[in-house]
Amino acid sequence: MVKLNLICFGLILLGFALFLYGANFYDALVGWAGVFIFLGGSLAFLLLYIYKELKKKSAAQNP
């Protein structure tokens, strides 16, 4: 799980950097790609976190 968290964090950083690059150089395509990569990384991290918590909860209920 640590590797997946690092990948999600890397996507979030890449998206943020692409957004800033697109904003500074007036490149709309790169800026919007950065926004979508940022949102995708955030959503993936959130879904992995929810999955991990549900898996932990179901394992505790079924000993």
PDB file of N, CA and C in Angstrom:
ATOM      1  N   MET A   1       0.809  -1.196   0.000  1.00  0.00           N
ATOM      2  CA  MET A   1       0.000   0.000   0.000  1.00  0.00           C
ATOM      3  C   MET A   1       0.854   1.263   0.000  1.00  0.00           C
ATOM      4  N   VAL A   2       2.036   1.187   0.554  1.00  0.00           N
ATOM      5  CA  VAL A   2       2.888   2.367   0.614  1.00  0.00           C
ATOM      6  C   VAL A   2       3.271   2.807  -0.800  1.00  0.00           C
ATOM      7  N   LYS A   3       3.532   1.831  -1.673  1.00  0.00           N
ATOM      8  CA  LYS A   3       3.919   2.161  -3.040  1.00  0.00           C
ATOM      9  C   LYS A   3       2.770   2.862  -3.767  1.00  0.00           C
ATOM     10  N   LEU A   4       1.544   2.392  -3.552  1.00  0.00           N
ATOM     11  CA  LEU A   4       0.398   3.032  -4.192  1.00  0.00           C
ATOM     12  C   LEU A   4       0.173   4.440  -3.658  1.00  0.00           C
ATOM     13  N   ASN A   5       0.400   4.643  -2.368  1.00  0.00           N
ATOM     14  CA  ASN A   5       0.274   5.979  -1.799  1.00  0.00           C
ATOM     15  C   ASN A   5       1.308   6.930  -2.392  1.00  0.00           C
ATOM     16  N   LEU A   6       2.520   6.434  -2.601  1.00  0.00           N
ATOM     17  CA  LEU A   6       3.555   7.275  -3.206  1.00  0.00           C
ATOM     18  C   LEU A   6       3.219   7.610  -4.657  1.00  0.00           C
ATOM     19  N   ILE A   7       2.634   6.664  -5.377  1.00  0.00           N
ATOM     20  CA  ILE A   7       2.228   6.933  -6.754  1.00  0.00           C
ATOM     21  C   ILE A   7       1.132   7.995  -6.789  1.00  0.00           C
ATOM     22  N   CYS A   8       0.164   7.882  -5.900  1.00  0.00           N
ATOM     23  CA  CYS A   8      -0.905   8.887  -5.833  1.00  0.00           C
ATOM     24  C   CYS A   8      -0.339  10.256  -5.469  1.00  0.00           C
ATOM     25  N   PHE A   9       0.572  10.285  -4.515  1.00  0.00           N
ATOM     26  CA  PHE A   9       1.185  11.551  -4.122  1.00  0.00           C
ATOM     27  C   PHE A   9       1.984  12.143  -5.281  1.00  0.00           C
ATOM     28  N   GLY A  10       2.676  11.285  -6.041  1.00  0.00           N
ATOM     29  CA  GLY A  10       3.419  11.751  -7.208  1.00  0.00           C
ATOM     30  C   GLY A  10       2.494  12.329  -8.273  1.00  0.00           C
ATOM     31  N   LEU A  11       1.338  11.694  -8.491  1.00  0.00           N
ATOM     32  CA  LEU A  11       0.370  12.221  -9.441  1.00  0.00           C
ATOM     33  C   LEU A  11      -0.175  13.569  -8.996  1.00  0.00           C
ATOM     34  N   ILE A  12      -0.412  13.709  -7.714  1.00  0.00           N
ATOM     35  CA  ILE A  12      -0.912  14.984  -7.192  1.00  0.00           C
ATOM     36  C   ILE A  12       0.129  16.087  -7.417  1.00  0.00           C
ATOM     37  N   LEU A  13       1.395  15.779  -7.128  1.00  0.00           N
ATOM     38  CA  LEU A  13       2.454  16.774  -7.346  1.00  0.00           C
ATOM     39  C   LEU A  13       2.630  17.097  -8.824  1.00  0.00           C
ATOM     40  N   LEU A  14       2.579  16.074  -9.687  1.00  0.00           N
ATOM     41  CA  LEU A  14       2.708  16.292 -11.121  1.00  0.00           C
ATOM     42  C   LEU A  14       1.564  17.160 -11.643  1.00  0.00           C
ATOM     43  N   GLY A  15       0.360  16.876 -11.210  1.00  0.00           N
ATOM     44  CA  GLY A  15      -0.793  17.674 -11.623  1.00  0.00           C
ATOM     45  C   GLY A  15      -0.677  19.117 -11.182  1.00  0.00           C
ATOM     46  N   PHE A  16      -0.219  19.317  -9.960  1.00  0.00           N
ATOM     47  CA  PHE A  16      -0.044  20.677  -9.451  1.00  0.00           C
ATOM     48  C   PHE A  16       1.017  21.427 -10.249  1.00  0.00           C
ATOM     49  N   ALA A  17       2.124  20.731 -10.541  1.00  0.00           N
ATOM     50  CA  ALA A  17       3.202  21.362 -11.306  1.00  0.00           C
ATOM     51  C   ALA A  17       2.751  21.690 -12.729  1.00  0.00           C
ATOM     52  N   LEU A  18       2.016  20.782 -13.365  1.00  0.00           N
ATOM     53  CA  LEU A  18       1.519  21.044 -14.713  1.00  0.00           C
ATOM     54  C   LEU A  18       0.522  22.195 -14.721  1.00  0.00           C
ATOM     55  N   PHE A  19      -0.313  22.273 -13.700  1.00  0.00           N
ATOM     56  CA  PHE A  19      -1.253  23.379 -13.602  1.00  0.00           C
ATOM     57  C   PHE A  19      -0.511  24.710 -13.487  1.00  0.00           C
ATOM     58  N   LEU A  20       0.496  24.760 -12.629  1.00  0.00           N
ATOM     59  CA  LEU A  20       1.261  25.997 -12.482  1.00  0.00           C
ATOM     60  C   LEU A  20       2.000  26.370 -13.760  1.00  0.00           C
ATOM     61  N   TYR A  21       2.556  25.359 -14.445  1.00  0.00           N
ATOM     62  CA  TYR A  21       3.242  25.619 -15.711  1.00  0.00           C
ATOM     63  C   TYR A  21       2.259  26.169 -16.746  1.00  0.00           C
ATOM     64  N   GLY A  22       1.094  25.547 -16.845  1.00  0.00           N
ATOM     65  CA  GLY A  22       0.087  26.005 -17.795  1.00  0.00           C
ATOM     66  C   GLY A  22      -0.414  27.395 -17.472  1.00  0.00           C
ATOM     67  N   ALA A  23      -0.527  27.716 -16.199  1.00  0.00           N
ATOM     68  CA  ALA A  23      -0.990  29.039 -15.809  1.00  0.00           C
ATOM     69  C   ALA A  23       0.061  30.110 -16.091  1.00  0.00           C
ATOM     70  N   ASN A  24       1.318  29.796 -15.883  1.00  0.00           N
ATOM     71  CA  ASN A  24       2.369  30.791 -16.075  1.00  0.00           C
ATOM     72  C   ASN A  24       2.690  31.032 -17.541  1.00  0.00           C
ATOM     73  N   PHE A  25       2.541  30.014 -18.388  1.00  0.00           N
ATOM     74  CA  PHE A  25       2.894  30.162 -19.796  1.00  0.00           C
ATOM     75  C   PHE A  25       1.668  30.203 -20.702  1.00  0.00           C
ATOM     76  N   TYR A  26       0.491  30.418 -20.109  1.00  0.00           N
ATOM     77  CA  TYR A  26      -0.758  30.572 -20.849  1.00  0.00           C
ATOM     78  C   TYR A  26      -1.006  29.402 -21.802  1.00  0.00           C
ATOM     79  N   ASP A  27      -0.762  28.213 -21.321  1.00  0.00           N
ATOM     80  CA  ASP A  27      -0.999  27.006 -22.096  1.00  0.00           C
ATOM     81  C   ASP A  27      -2.181  26.276 -21.457  1.00  0.00           C
ATOM     82  N   ALA A  28      -3.358  26.458 -22.026  1.00  0.00           N
ATOM     83  CA  ALA A  28      -4.581  25.946 -21.421  1.00  0.00           C
ATOM     84  C   ALA A  28      -4.608  24.418 -21.394  1.00  0.00           C
ATOM     85  N   LEU A  29      -4.095  23.789 -22.438  1.00  0.00           N
ATOM     86  CA  LEU A  29      -4.139  22.324 -22.504  1.00  0.00           C
ATOM     87  C   LEU A  29      -3.323  21.697 -21.369  1.00  0.00           C
ATOM     88  N   VAL A  30      -2.132  22.211 -21.137  1.00  0.00           N
ATOM     89  CA  VAL A  30      -1.283  21.682 -20.064  1.00  0.00           C
ATOM     90  C   VAL A  30      -1.902  21.993 -18.701  1.00  0.00           C
ATOM     91  N   GLY A  31      -2.465  23.175 -18.558  1.00  0.00           N
ATOM     92  CA  GLY A  31      -3.091  23.551 -17.288  1.00  0.00           C
ATOM     93  C   GLY A  31      -4.270  22.658 -16.936  1.00  0.00           C
ATOM     94  N   TRP A  32      -5.149  22.416 -17.901  1.00  0.00           N
ATOM     95  CA  TRP A  32      -6.304  21.553 -17.642  1.00  0.00           C
ATOM     96  C   TRP A  32      -5.887  20.108 -17.443  1.00  0.00           C
ATOM     97  N   ALA A  33      -4.865  19.662 -18.157  1.00  0.00           N
ATOM     98  CA  ALA A  33      -4.352  18.306 -17.934  1.00  0.00           C
ATOM     99  C   ALA A  33      -3.839  18.189 -16.499  1.00  0.00           C
ATOM    100  N   GLY A  34      -3.165  19.215 -16.010  1.00  0.00           N
ATOM    101  CA  GLY A  34      -2.690  19.225 -14.632  1.00  0.00           C
ATOM    102  C   GLY A  34      -3.823  19.159 -13.628  1.00  0.00           C
ATOM    103  N   VAL A  35      -4.893  19.881 -13.908  1.00  0.00           N
ATOM    104  CA  VAL A  35      -6.048  19.862 -13.004  1.00  0.00           C
ATOM    105  C   VAL A  35      -6.639  18.459 -12.944  1.00  0.00           C
ATOM    106  N   PHE A  36      -6.809  17.833 -14.116  1.00  0.00           N
ATOM    107  CA  PHE A  36      -7.414  16.504 -14.135  1.00  0.00           C
ATOM    108  C   PHE A  36      -6.491  15.448 -13.520  1.00  0.00           C
ATOM    109  N   ILE A  37      -5.193  15.563 -13.722  1.00  0.00           N
ATOM    110  CA  ILE A  37      -4.258  14.624 -13.092  1.00  0.00           C
ATOM    111  C   ILE A  37      -4.274  14.812 -11.578  1.00  0.00           C
ATOM    112  N   PHE A  38      -4.325  16.050 -11.126  1.00  0.00           N
ATOM    113  CA  PHE A  38      -4.403  16.339  -9.692  1.00  0.00           C
ATOM    114  C   PHE A  38      -5.667  15.727  -9.094  1.00  0.00           C
ATOM    115  N   LEU A  39      -6.803  15.944  -9.751  1.00  0.00           N
ATOM    116  CA  LEU A  39      -8.057  15.392  -9.242  1.00  0.00           C
ATOM    117  C   LEU A  39      -8.062  13.862  -9.292  1.00  0.00           C
ATOM    118  N   GLY A  40      -7.483  13.292 -10.341  1.00  0.00           N
ATOM    119  CA  GLY A  40      -7.411  11.835 -10.439  1.00  0.00           C
ATOM    120  C   GLY A  40      -6.551  11.233  -9.344  1.00  0.00           C
ATOM    121  N   GLY A  41      -5.413  11.846  -9.051  1.00  0.00           N
ATOM    122  CA  GLY A  41      -4.552  11.365  -7.971  1.00  0.00           C
ATOM    123  C   GLY A  41      -5.222  11.478  -6.612  1.00  0.00           C
ATOM    124  N   SER A  42      -5.936  12.585  -6.406  1.00  0.00           N
ATOM    125  CA  SER A  42      -6.643  12.776  -5.139  1.00  0.00           C
ATOM    126  C   SER A  42      -7.769  11.752  -4.978  1.00  0.00           C
ATOM    127  N   LEU A  43      -8.502  11.521  -6.061  1.00  0.00           N
ATOM    128  CA  LEU A  43      -9.598  10.554  -6.012  1.00  0.00           C
ATOM    129  C   LEU A  43      -9.072   9.140  -5.792  1.00  0.00           C
ATOM    130  N   ALA A  44      -7.979   8.795  -6.452  1.00  0.00           N
ATOM    131  CA  ALA A  44      -7.385   7.465  -6.274  1.00  0.00           C
ATOM    132  C   ALA A  44      -6.923   7.272  -4.831  1.00  0.00           C
ATOM    133  N   PHE A  45      -6.291   8.290  -4.250  1.00  0.00           N
ATOM    134  CA  PHE A  45      -5.854   8.199  -2.858  1.00  0.00           C
ATOM    135  C   PHE A  45      -7.045   8.014  -1.929  1.00  0.00           C
ATOM    136  N   LEU A  46      -8.107   8.764  -2.167  1.00  0.00           N
ATOM    137  CA  LEU A  46      -9.293   8.668  -1.333  1.00  0.00           C
ATOM    138  C   LEU A  46      -9.934   7.287  -1.443  1.00  0.00           C
ATOM    139  N   LEU A  47     -10.042   6.756  -2.655  1.00  0.00           N
ATOM    140  CA  LEU A  47     -10.633   5.433  -2.832  1.00  0.00           C
ATOM    141  C   LEU A  47      -9.785   4.335  -2.194  1.00  0.00           C
ATOM    142  N   LEU A  48      -8.464   4.441  -2.309  1.00  0.00           N
ATOM    143  CA  LEU A  48      -7.591   3.461  -1.661  1.00  0.00           C
ATOM    144  C   LEU A  48      -7.722   3.525  -0.140  1.00  0.00           C
ATOM    145  N   TYR A  49      -7.849   4.709   0.408  1.00  0.00           N
ATOM    146  CA  TYR A  49      -8.010   4.870   1.851  1.00  0.00           C
ATOM    147  C   TYR A  49      -9.332   4.250   2.326  1.00  0.00           C
ATOM    148  N   ILE A  50     -10.409   4.510   1.584  1.00  0.00           N
ATOM    149  CA  ILE A  50     -11.712   3.948   1.945  1.00  0.00           C
ATOM    150  C   ILE A  50     -11.676   2.422   1.852  1.00  0.00           C
ATOM    151  N   TYR A  51     -11.058   1.888   0.794  1.00  0.00           N
ATOM    152  CA  TYR A  51     -10.946   0.443   0.630  1.00  0.00           C
ATOM    153  C   TYR A  51     -10.166  -0.182   1.789  1.00  0.00           C
ATOM    154  N   LYS A  52      -9.063   0.464   2.183  1.00  0.00           N
ATOM    155  CA  LYS A  52      -8.252  -0.053   3.282  1.00  0.00           C
ATOM    156  C   LYS A  52      -9.050  -0.070   4.583  1.00  0.00           C
ATOM    157  N   GLU A  53      -9.819   0.975   4.844  1.00  0.00           N
ATOM    158  CA  GLU A  53     -10.609   1.029   6.070  1.00  0.00           C
ATOM    159  C   GLU A  53     -11.735   0.000   6.063  1.00  0.00           C
ATOM    160  N   LEU A  54     -12.386  -0.184   4.927  1.00  0.00           N
ATOM    161  CA  LEU A  54     -13.439  -1.198   4.855  1.00  0.00           C
ATOM    162  C   LEU A  54     -12.875  -2.597   5.004  1.00  0.00           C
ATOM    163  N   LYS A  55     -11.711  -2.848   4.431  1.00  0.00           N
ATOM    164  CA  LYS A  55     -11.075  -4.159   4.553  1.00  0.00           C
ATOM    165  C   LYS A  55     -10.684  -4.433   6.004  1.00  0.00           C
ATOM    166  N   LYS A  56     -10.188  -3.411   6.680  1.00  0.00           N
ATOM    167  CA  LYS A  56      -9.813  -3.563   8.087  1.00  0.00           C
ATOM    168  C   LYS A  56     -11.054  -3.832   8.938  1.00  0.00           C
ATOM    169  N   LYS A  57     -12.152  -3.140   8.632  1.00  0.00           N
ATOM    170  CA  LYS A  57     -13.370  -3.307   9.398  1.00  0.00           C
ATOM    171  C   LYS A  57     -13.966  -4.690   9.209  1.00  0.00           C
ATOM    172  N   SER A  58     -13.968  -5.198   7.960  1.00  0.00           N
ATOM    173  CA  SER A  58     -14.562  -6.520   7.720  1.00  0.00           C
ATOM    174  C   SER A  58     -13.683  -7.622   8.308  1.00  0.00           C
ATOM    175  N   ALA A  59     -12.379  -7.439   8.361  1.00  0.00           N
ATOM    176  CA  ALA A  59     -11.511  -8.427   8.957  1.00  0.00           C
ATOM    177  C   ALA A  59     -11.718  -8.504  10.474  1.00  0.00           C
ATOM    178  N   ALA A  60     -12.040  -7.388  11.093  1.00  0.00           N
ATOM    179  CA  ALA A  60     -12.278  -7.361  12.535  1.00  0.00           C
ATOM    180  C   ALA A  60     -13.609  -8.024  12.883  1.00  0.00           C
ATOM    181  N   GLN A  61     -14.590  -7.964  11.995  1.00  0.00           N
ATOM    182  CA  GLN A  61     -15.896  -8.552  12.280  1.00  0.00           C
ATOM    183  C   GLN A  61     -15.907 -10.063  12.069  1.00  0.00           C
ATOM    184  N   ASN A  62     -15.045 -10.573  11.197  1.00  0.00           N
ATOM    185  CA  ASN A  62     -14.998 -12.008  10.912  1.00  0.00           C
ATOM    186  C   ASN A  62     -13.651 -12.598  11.388  1.00  0.00           C
ATOM    187  N   PRO A  63     -13.576 -12.970  12.675  1.00  0.00           N
ATOM    188  CA  PRO A  63     -12.281 -13.465  13.185  1.00  0.00           C
ATOM    189  C   PRO A  63     -11.927 -14.833  12.687  1.00  0.00           C
TER     190      PRO A  63
END
